[in-house]
């Protein structure tokens, strides 16, 4: 059965290559088929589609295609569509490059869904367009030594850091006013530099039972739902971090600009669908993480937290500067998460050891370490997007000297079909 499906898919590919038009109608057909195909794959894997706000009729077609096709058949359609995209590349090279990379990711994910086990670095390259450099955990020991001096005392360094950070826990009843104020400040910093549609908006909700700390569900028409996970206590610094990352100038702004500039401005239907396991996510997570520093460069973040957010939360603001200095040092440990994920997913360590190493090299308590490993189990090599993506965006944007130039470059990255290979390092 699989062999006959493959032959049929190959025939479809040849027919498509023979008949594809290189004009506007050719692009429209490709974009439409791309949306239907990604939605069909999403029917095979829950969570594969992060957002879709396009024509409901295409969603219905995706459901029909999924019902009529098994995974090898969908893989054949991905290959055929990629060939059609390649034929159109001369007329819209960046558009074609983006779609080709997205389809490479779709092909990789379909291989995984059929049971193929890829090494961590190959999986990351296939899905996100970047081959991560995995450093040995011992290379992060000097960072731990630096942090030791910031949090003196007895017990393990992870326990000391956890206990110190717990002093900045936002009381549950204060979460909503603190987060609304923080997101408002993130938005103000963004709209001073990036024009947004007058109707853009978001809903805020607090949820439980998730492996992540925050999530943006883009609903279309410049509207997002931002969810904050309250399974674990939330510290003061996370208000600005998540406000920028999930909102402004992070995921909400990225999706809003793509809708305004590409979907509405150019009629590029393919941007109405966002497959999570794709190069689009490296830019999304990387820009969202770097957006924190762009909107609240040090020491502005600490000053704002101490003067505005700490009083709302009922926390003392006198140690916020020291607290933020510790968090800046801890950020240098971020890529250690990639190493732990690689060792776990490649079968080099078991889950208990992954939790232990996460406690040591991410300086968190056992509960947070278990949540981190649960995320890795669910999203696998996706973890590279947060630190490698952030560093790639930072290196690109910080080529420009002034804040105005950096914001202009950020807007350009967020409103174009940007791939990891477009980020200049």
Protein backbone atom coordinates (compact mmCIF):
# COMPACT_ATOMS: atom_id res chain seq x y z
CA UNK A 1 0.00 0.00 0.00
CA UNK A 2 2.73 2.49 0.92
CA UNK A 3 4.63 1.82 -2.33
CA UNK A 4 1.56 2.52 -4.46
CA UNK A 5 0.89 5.71 -2.54
CA UNK A 6 4.48 6.80 -3.15
CA UNK A 7 4.15 6.16 -6.90
CA UNK A 8 0.89 8.11 -6.98
CA UNK A 9 2.48 10.99 -5.08
CA UNK A 10 5.42 11.04 -7.49
CA UNK A 11 3.01 11.20 -10.42
CA UNK A 12 1.22 14.12 -8.79
CA UNK A 13 4.56 15.85 -8.34
CA UNK A 14 5.49 15.47 -12.02
CA UNK A 15 2.06 16.65 -13.14
CA UNK A 16 2.26 19.68 -10.88
CA UNK A 17 5.71 20.59 -12.18
CA UNK A 18 4.48 20.31 -15.76
CA UNK A 19 1.48 22.56 -15.33
CA UNK A 20 2.45 25.14 -12.72
CA UNK A 21 2.00 28.77 -13.71
CA UNK A 22 4.66 31.31 -12.76
CA UNK A 23 2.21 34.21 -12.56
CA UNK A 24 0.01 35.49 -9.78
CA UNK A 25 -2.43 32.60 -10.21
CA UNK A 26 0.47 30.17 -9.77
CA UNK A 27 1.42 31.75 -6.45
CA UNK A 28 -2.18 31.91 -5.32
CA UNK A 29 -2.64 28.21 -6.03
CA UNK A 30 0.59 27.30 -4.27
CA UNK A 31 -0.29 29.40 -1.22
CA UNK A 32 -3.74 27.87 -1.03
CA UNK A 33 -2.41 24.33 -1.35
CA UNK A 34 0.26 25.07 1.25
CA UNK A 35 -2.36 26.17 3.79
CA UNK A 36 -4.55 23.12 3.15
CA UNK A 37 -1.56 20.78 3.41
CA UNK A 38 -0.27 22.26 6.68
CA UNK A 39 -3.77 22.10 8.16
CA UNK A 40 -4.04 18.47 7.08
CA UNK A 41 -0.79 17.65 8.89
CA UNK A 42 -2.21 19.48 11.89
CA UNK A 43 -5.11 17.04 11.87
CA UNK A 44 -2.58 14.24 12.31
CA UNK A 45 -0.74 15.87 15.24
CA UNK A 46 -2.39 17.92 17.94
CA UNK A 47 -0.45 21.15 18.49
CA UNK A 48 1.29 21.13 15.10
CA UNK A 49 -0.68 24.23 14.06
CA UNK A 50 0.05 27.12 16.39
CA UNK A 51 -2.36 29.54 14.70
CA UNK A 52 -4.78 29.68 11.78
CA UNK A 53 -7.02 32.63 11.03
CA UNK A 54 -7.75 32.17 7.35
CA UNK A 55 -10.70 31.02 5.27
CA UNK A 56 -12.78 28.37 7.14
CA UNK A 57 -13.30 26.61 3.81
CA UNK A 58 -9.58 25.86 3.62
CA UNK A 59 -9.68 24.40 7.11
CA UNK A 60 -12.50 22.12 6.01
CA UNK A 61 -10.42 21.08 2.98
CA UNK A 62 -7.50 20.32 5.25
CA UNK A 63 -9.72 18.08 7.36
CA UNK A 64 -10.95 16.25 4.27
CA UNK A 65 -7.42 15.79 2.97
CA UNK A 66 -6.27 14.41 6.32
CA UNK A 67 -9.18 11.96 6.43
CA UNK A 68 -8.34 10.70 2.95
CA UNK A 69 -4.55 10.55 3.35
CA UNK A 70 -2.08 8.67 5.50
CA UNK A 71 1.28 10.11 6.53
CA UNK A 72 3.27 8.82 3.50
CA UNK A 73 0.66 10.34 1.17
CA UNK A 74 0.98 13.71 2.90
CA UNK A 75 4.77 13.46 2.64
CA UNK A 76 4.37 12.93 -1.11
CA UNK A 77 2.22 16.06 -1.33
CA UNK A 78 4.86 18.05 0.57
CA UNK A 79 7.51 16.97 -1.94
CA UNK A 80 5.26 17.82 -4.89
CA UNK A 81 4.40 21.25 -3.51
CA UNK A 82 8.05 22.02 -2.80
CA UNK A 83 8.83 21.33 -6.47
CA UNK A 84 6.12 23.80 -7.49
CA UNK A 85 7.53 26.42 -5.14
CA UNK A 86 10.99 25.97 -6.62
CA UNK A 87 9.58 26.66 -10.09
CA UNK A 88 8.19 29.98 -8.87
CA UNK A 89 11.35 31.10 -7.06
CA UNK A 90 12.58 33.48 -9.77
CA UNK A 91 9.50 35.70 -9.49
CA UNK A 92 9.41 35.94 -5.66
CA UNK A 93 12.73 34.61 -4.30
CA UNK A 94 12.22 35.41 -0.62
CA UNK A 95 8.66 34.14 -0.65
CA UNK A 96 9.80 30.94 -2.31
CA UNK A 97 12.74 30.49 0.06
CA UNK A 98 10.45 30.86 3.06
CA UNK A 99 7.90 28.36 1.77
CA UNK A 100 10.61 25.90 0.75
CA UNK A 101 12.11 26.01 4.26
CA UNK A 102 8.69 25.59 5.84
CA UNK A 103 8.01 22.57 3.64
CA UNK A 104 11.38 21.04 4.52
CA UNK A 105 10.29 21.31 8.15
CA UNK A 106 6.93 19.71 7.33
CA UNK A 107 8.71 16.82 5.60
CA UNK A 108 10.96 16.37 8.65
CA UNK A 109 8.01 16.37 11.03
CA UNK A 110 6.19 13.79 8.91
CA UNK A 111 9.26 11.55 9.08
CA UNK A 112 9.15 11.86 12.86
CA UNK A 113 5.42 11.16 12.99
CA UNK A 114 6.07 7.96 11.05
CA UNK A 115 8.44 6.81 13.77
CA UNK A 116 11.85 7.88 12.45
CA UNK A 117 14.26 8.78 15.26
CA UNK A 118 16.52 11.67 14.30
CA UNK A 119 19.53 12.75 16.36
CA UNK A 120 18.81 15.97 18.24
CA UNK A 121 20.97 18.23 16.05
CA UNK A 122 19.55 16.78 12.82
CA UNK A 123 16.00 17.13 14.10
CA UNK A 124 16.65 20.78 15.02
CA UNK A 125 18.18 21.52 11.63
CA UNK A 126 15.35 19.82 9.76
CA UNK A 127 12.61 21.55 11.71
CA UNK A 128 14.06 24.98 12.48
CA UNK A 129 16.78 25.56 9.90
CA UNK A 130 19.66 25.78 12.40
CA UNK A 131 22.16 23.12 13.39
CA UNK A 132 22.82 23.82 17.09
CA UNK A 133 26.28 23.65 18.58
CA UNK A 134 25.99 21.45 21.67
CA UNK A 135 28.58 22.38 24.27
CA UNK A 136 29.60 20.07 27.11
CA UNK A 137 27.95 20.90 30.41
CA UNK A 138 31.35 21.36 32.03
CA UNK A 139 31.86 24.45 29.85
CA UNK A 140 29.18 26.18 31.96
CA UNK A 141 30.98 25.54 35.26
CA UNK A 142 32.75 28.95 35.14
CA UNK A 143 29.33 30.62 34.91
CA UNK A 144 28.22 28.73 38.02
CA UNK A 145 31.37 29.93 39.80
CA UNK A 146 30.53 33.55 38.93
CA UNK A 147 27.00 33.14 40.25
CA UNK A 148 28.29 31.60 43.49
CA UNK A 149 29.62 35.01 44.46
CA UNK A 150 26.23 36.65 43.89
CA UNK A 151 24.32 34.31 46.20
CA UNK A 152 26.59 33.35 49.13
CA UNK A 153 25.48 30.92 51.84
CA UNK A 154 25.18 27.23 52.61
CA UNK A 155 23.44 24.50 50.65
CA UNK A 156 23.59 23.88 46.91
CA UNK A 157 23.81 26.85 44.58
CA UNK A 158 20.47 25.88 43.00
CA UNK A 159 18.78 25.85 46.41
CA UNK A 160 20.24 29.24 47.31
CA UNK A 161 19.21 30.79 44.00
CA UNK A 162 15.72 29.30 44.27
CA UNK A 163 15.29 30.56 47.84
CA UNK A 164 16.50 34.03 46.91
CA UNK A 165 14.21 34.28 43.89
CA UNK A 166 11.25 33.09 45.95
CA UNK A 167 11.50 36.34 47.89
CA UNK A 168 10.18 38.05 44.74
CA UNK A 169 7.11 35.83 44.26
CA UNK A 170 4.03 37.78 43.22
CA UNK A 171 1.04 36.96 45.48
CA UNK A 172 -1.67 35.11 43.54
CA UNK A 173 -4.22 37.89 44.09
CA UNK A 174 -1.77 40.45 42.68
CA UNK A 175 -0.94 38.58 39.47
CA UNK A 176 -3.53 40.19 37.21
CA UNK A 177 -2.87 43.85 38.15
CA UNK A 178 0.90 43.30 37.95
CA UNK A 179 0.71 41.60 34.56
CA UNK A 180 -1.71 44.12 33.10
CA UNK A 181 0.58 46.96 34.17
CA UNK A 182 3.65 45.15 32.81
CA UNK A 183 2.03 44.37 29.45
CA UNK A 184 0.85 47.97 29.20
CA UNK A 185 4.42 49.16 29.72
CA UNK A 186 5.72 46.70 27.13
CA UNK A 187 3.10 47.93 24.69
CA UNK A 188 3.96 51.58 25.32
CA UNK A 189 7.65 50.94 24.66
CA UNK A 190 6.73 49.16 21.44
CA UNK A 191 4.18 51.57 19.95
CA UNK A 192 6.64 54.42 20.43
CA UNK A 193 8.74 52.66 17.79
CA UNK A 194 6.43 50.39 15.77
CA UNK A 195 3.06 51.56 14.45
CA UNK A 196 0.32 49.04 15.20
CA UNK A 197 -3.28 48.89 13.96
CA UNK A 198 -5.73 50.82 16.13
CA UNK A 199 -7.87 47.73 16.73
CA UNK A 200 -5.05 45.45 17.93
CA UNK A 201 -5.83 43.90 21.28
CA UNK A 202 -5.32 40.90 23.53
CA UNK A 203 -7.18 38.89 26.15
CA UNK A 204 -5.34 37.82 29.30
CA UNK A 205 -6.01 34.53 31.12
CA UNK A 206 -4.35 32.60 33.93
CA UNK A 207 -4.30 28.82 33.47
CA UNK A 208 -2.88 25.64 35.00
CA UNK A 209 -1.73 22.20 33.88
CA UNK A 210 0.78 23.33 31.23
CA UNK A 211 4.46 22.55 30.57
CA UNK A 212 5.10 26.17 29.53
CA UNK A 213 5.01 29.41 31.54
CA UNK A 214 3.23 31.56 28.95
CA UNK A 215 1.58 31.17 25.54
CA UNK A 216 0.19 33.47 22.87
CA UNK A 217 -2.71 32.18 20.81
CA UNK A 218 -3.09 34.46 17.80
CA UNK A 219 -6.74 34.64 16.74
CA UNK A 220 -6.50 36.90 13.69
CA UNK A 221 -7.76 40.43 13.08
CA UNK A 222 -4.90 41.77 15.27
CA UNK A 223 -6.24 39.88 18.30
CA UNK A 224 -4.39 37.51 20.66
CA UNK A 225 -5.15 35.48 23.76
CA UNK A 226 -2.23 35.53 26.20
CA UNK A 227 -2.23 32.74 28.77
CA UNK A 228 -0.03 32.67 31.89
CA UNK A 229 0.54 29.35 33.64
CA UNK A 230 0.23 29.53 37.43
CA UNK A 231 1.24 25.94 38.26
CA UNK A 232 4.38 27.32 39.91
CA UNK A 233 4.85 30.61 41.81
CA UNK A 234 5.54 33.52 39.44
CA UNK A 235 8.37 35.90 40.27
CA UNK A 236 8.44 39.64 39.66
CA UNK A 237 10.81 39.54 36.68
CA UNK A 238 8.45 37.29 34.74
CA UNK A 239 5.86 40.04 34.38
CA UNK A 240 7.98 42.14 32.02
CA UNK A 241 9.56 39.03 30.47
CA UNK A 242 6.23 37.45 29.54
CA UNK A 243 4.59 40.80 28.75
CA UNK A 244 7.23 41.46 26.13
CA UNK A 245 7.65 37.87 24.96
CA UNK A 246 4.00 36.95 24.52
CA UNK A 247 2.82 40.46 23.73
CA UNK A 248 4.90 43.50 22.79
CA UNK A 249 7.14 43.40 20.78
CA UNK A 250 6.92 39.59 20.88
CA UNK A 251 4.43 37.09 19.50
CA UNK A 252 1.38 39.37 19.36
CA UNK A 253 3.27 42.04 17.42
CA UNK A 254 4.93 39.51 15.11
CA UNK A 255 1.63 37.93 14.14
CA UNK A 256 -0.12 41.28 13.84
CA UNK A 257 2.56 42.64 11.50
CA UNK A 258 2.58 39.49 9.38
CA UNK A 259 -1.20 39.70 9.03
CA UNK A 260 -1.16 43.41 8.18
CA UNK A 261 1.91 43.49 5.92
CA UNK A 262 1.82 40.11 4.17
CA UNK A 263 -1.70 38.67 4.38
CA UNK A 264 -3.65 41.89 3.91
CA UNK A 265 -0.96 44.01 2.27
CA UNK A 266 0.33 41.47 -0.27
CA UNK A 267 -2.39 38.83 -0.29
CA UNK A 268 0.05 36.09 0.79
CA UNK A 269 -2.42 33.52 2.09
CA UNK A 270 0.32 31.19 3.35
CA UNK A 271 0.89 33.44 6.36
CA UNK A 272 -2.60 32.76 7.72
CA UNK A 273 -1.25 29.45 9.03
CA UNK A 274 1.63 29.03 11.45
CA UNK A 275 3.02 25.49 11.84
CA UNK A 276 4.82 25.37 15.18
CA UNK A 277 7.61 23.00 14.15
CA UNK A 278 9.12 25.21 11.46
CA UNK A 279 11.85 27.86 10.94
CA UNK A 280 9.18 30.47 11.63
CA UNK A 281 9.45 29.49 15.30
CA UNK A 282 13.14 30.31 15.58
CA UNK A 283 12.41 33.88 14.57
CA UNK A 284 9.25 33.98 16.70
CA UNK A 285 10.90 32.82 19.92
CA UNK A 286 14.20 34.54 19.25
CA UNK A 287 12.64 37.92 18.53
CA UNK A 288 10.26 37.56 21.48
CA UNK A 289 13.15 36.91 23.87
CA UNK A 290 15.32 39.65 22.43
CA UNK A 291 12.32 41.98 22.49
CA UNK A 292 12.58 42.05 26.29
CA UNK A 293 16.00 43.69 26.08
CA UNK A 294 14.94 45.98 23.26
CA UNK A 295 11.90 47.31 25.13
CA UNK A 296 13.52 47.30 28.58
CA UNK A 297 17.30 47.62 28.29
CA UNK A 298 19.26 47.44 31.51
CA UNK A 299 18.97 49.19 33.92
CA UNK A 300 15.52 50.38 32.80
CA UNK A 301 13.88 47.02 33.54
CA UNK A 302 15.12 46.90 37.13
CA UNK A 303 14.14 50.53 37.70
CA UNK A 304 10.62 49.95 36.38
CA UNK A 305 10.16 46.78 38.40
CA UNK A 306 11.35 48.49 41.59
CA UNK A 307 9.39 51.72 41.13
CA UNK A 308 6.13 50.45 39.59
CA UNK A 309 5.61 46.68 39.68
CA UNK A 310 7.00 45.88 43.12
CA UNK A 311 4.58 48.27 44.90
CA UNK A 312 1.62 46.79 42.99
CA UNK A 313 2.76 43.31 44.02
CA UNK A 314 3.34 44.37 47.61
CA UNK A 315 7.02 43.49 47.37
CA UNK A 316 10.01 45.58 48.51
CA UNK A 317 11.80 47.20 45.60
CA UNK A 318 15.13 47.83 47.29
CA UNK A 319 16.78 44.58 46.09
CA UNK A 320 15.35 44.44 42.59
CA UNK A 321 18.57 45.67 40.98
CA UNK A 322 20.55 42.86 42.62
CA UNK A 323 17.84 40.40 41.67
CA UNK A 324 17.98 41.44 38.00
CA UNK A 325 21.80 41.26 38.03
CA UNK A 326 21.50 37.65 39.17
CA UNK A 327 19.02 36.89 36.39
CA UNK A 328 21.37 38.42 33.81
CA UNK A 329 24.14 36.11 35.01
CA UNK A 330 21.82 33.09 34.92
CA UNK A 331 20.96 33.83 31.28
CA UNK A 332 24.49 32.76 30.34
CA UNK A 333 23.43 29.25 31.39
CA UNK A 334 20.57 29.22 28.86
CA UNK A 335 22.29 27.05 26.20
CA UNK A 336 22.99 24.37 28.83
CA UNK A 337 19.32 23.53 28.38
CA UNK A 338 20.10 22.47 24.81
CA UNK A 339 22.80 20.08 26.02
CA UNK A 340 20.51 18.50 28.61
CA UNK A 341 17.74 18.16 26.00
CA UNK A 342 20.13 16.59 23.51
CA UNK A 343 21.40 14.06 26.04
CA UNK A 344 17.87 13.16 27.16
CA UNK A 345 16.30 12.88 23.71
CA UNK A 346 19.27 10.99 22.25
CA UNK A 347 19.01 8.47 25.07
CA UNK A 348 22.30 9.33 26.76
CA UNK A 349 20.67 10.10 30.14
CA UNK A 350 17.38 9.20 31.78
CA UNK A 351 14.73 11.59 33.02
CA UNK A 352 15.91 11.58 36.63
CA UNK A 353 19.40 12.61 35.54
CA UNK A 354 17.94 15.27 33.24
CA UNK A 355 16.05 16.74 36.20
CA UNK A 356 19.19 16.70 38.34
CA UNK A 357 21.28 18.39 35.65
CA UNK A 358 18.56 20.97 35.05
CA UNK A 359 18.59 21.85 38.73
CA UNK A 360 22.37 22.25 38.64
CA UNK A 361 22.81 24.06 35.33
CA UNK A 362 19.57 26.06 35.18
CA UNK A 363 19.64 26.84 38.93
CA UNK A 364 16.04 25.88 39.65
CA UNK A 365 14.27 23.75 42.24
CA UNK A 366 13.00 20.26 41.56
CA UNK A 367 9.47 21.33 40.59
CA UNK A 368 10.72 23.82 37.99
CA UNK A 369 13.25 21.31 36.70
CA UNK A 370 10.50 18.72 36.21
CA UNK A 371 8.36 21.28 34.37
CA UNK A 372 11.33 22.09 32.12
CA UNK A 373 11.88 18.43 31.29
CA UNK A 374 8.16 17.96 30.66
CA UNK A 375 8.42 20.78 28.11
CA UNK A 376 11.42 19.09 26.49
CA UNK A 377 9.56 15.80 26.27
CA UNK A 378 6.61 17.55 24.63
CA UNK A 379 8.39 19.97 22.28
CA UNK A 380 11.80 18.28 21.90
CA UNK A 381 14.40 20.29 19.94
CA UNK A 382 12.10 23.33 19.99
CA UNK A 383 14.08 24.43 23.07
CA UNK A 384 16.89 25.77 20.87
CA UNK A 385 14.66 28.57 19.58
CA UNK A 386 14.67 30.42 22.90
CA UNK A 387 18.42 30.84 23.36
CA UNK A 388 19.96 30.30 19.92
CA UNK A 389 17.13 32.24 18.30
CA UNK A 390 17.49 35.06 20.82
CA UNK A 391 21.24 35.31 20.26
CA UNK A 392 20.87 35.29 16.47
CA UNK A 393 18.27 38.08 16.53
CA UNK A 394 20.36 40.09 19.01
CA UNK A 395 23.49 39.82 16.88
CA UNK A 396 21.57 40.93 13.81
CA UNK A 397 19.73 43.86 15.41
CA UNK A 398 22.68 45.10 17.43
CA UNK A 399 24.70 45.68 14.28
CA UNK A 400 22.84 48.99 14.34
CA UNK A 401 24.10 51.64 16.73
CA UNK A 402 21.05 53.60 17.85
CA UNK A 403 17.80 52.49 19.49
CA UNK A 404 15.82 53.96 16.58
CA UNK A 405 17.80 51.92 14.05
CA UNK A 406 17.46 48.78 16.14
CA UNK A 407 13.71 49.13 16.40
CA UNK A 408 13.51 49.72 12.65
CA UNK A 409 15.46 46.54 12.00
CA UNK A 410 13.28 44.63 14.46
CA UNK A 411 10.13 45.74 12.65
CA UNK A 412 11.67 44.67 9.34
CA UNK A 413 12.42 41.19 10.68
CA UNK A 414 8.90 40.84 12.08
CA UNK A 415 7.04 41.96 8.98
CA UNK A 416 8.91 40.07 6.24
CA UNK A 417 9.23 36.35 5.35
CA UNK A 418 12.32 36.08 7.54
CA UNK A 419 14.33 32.87 7.84
CA UNK A 420 17.21 32.06 10.19
CA UNK A 421 19.55 32.39 7.21
CA UNK A 422 18.40 36.02 6.82
CA UNK A 423 19.80 36.94 10.24
CA UNK A 424 23.22 38.46 9.69
CA UNK A 425 25.88 37.46 12.18
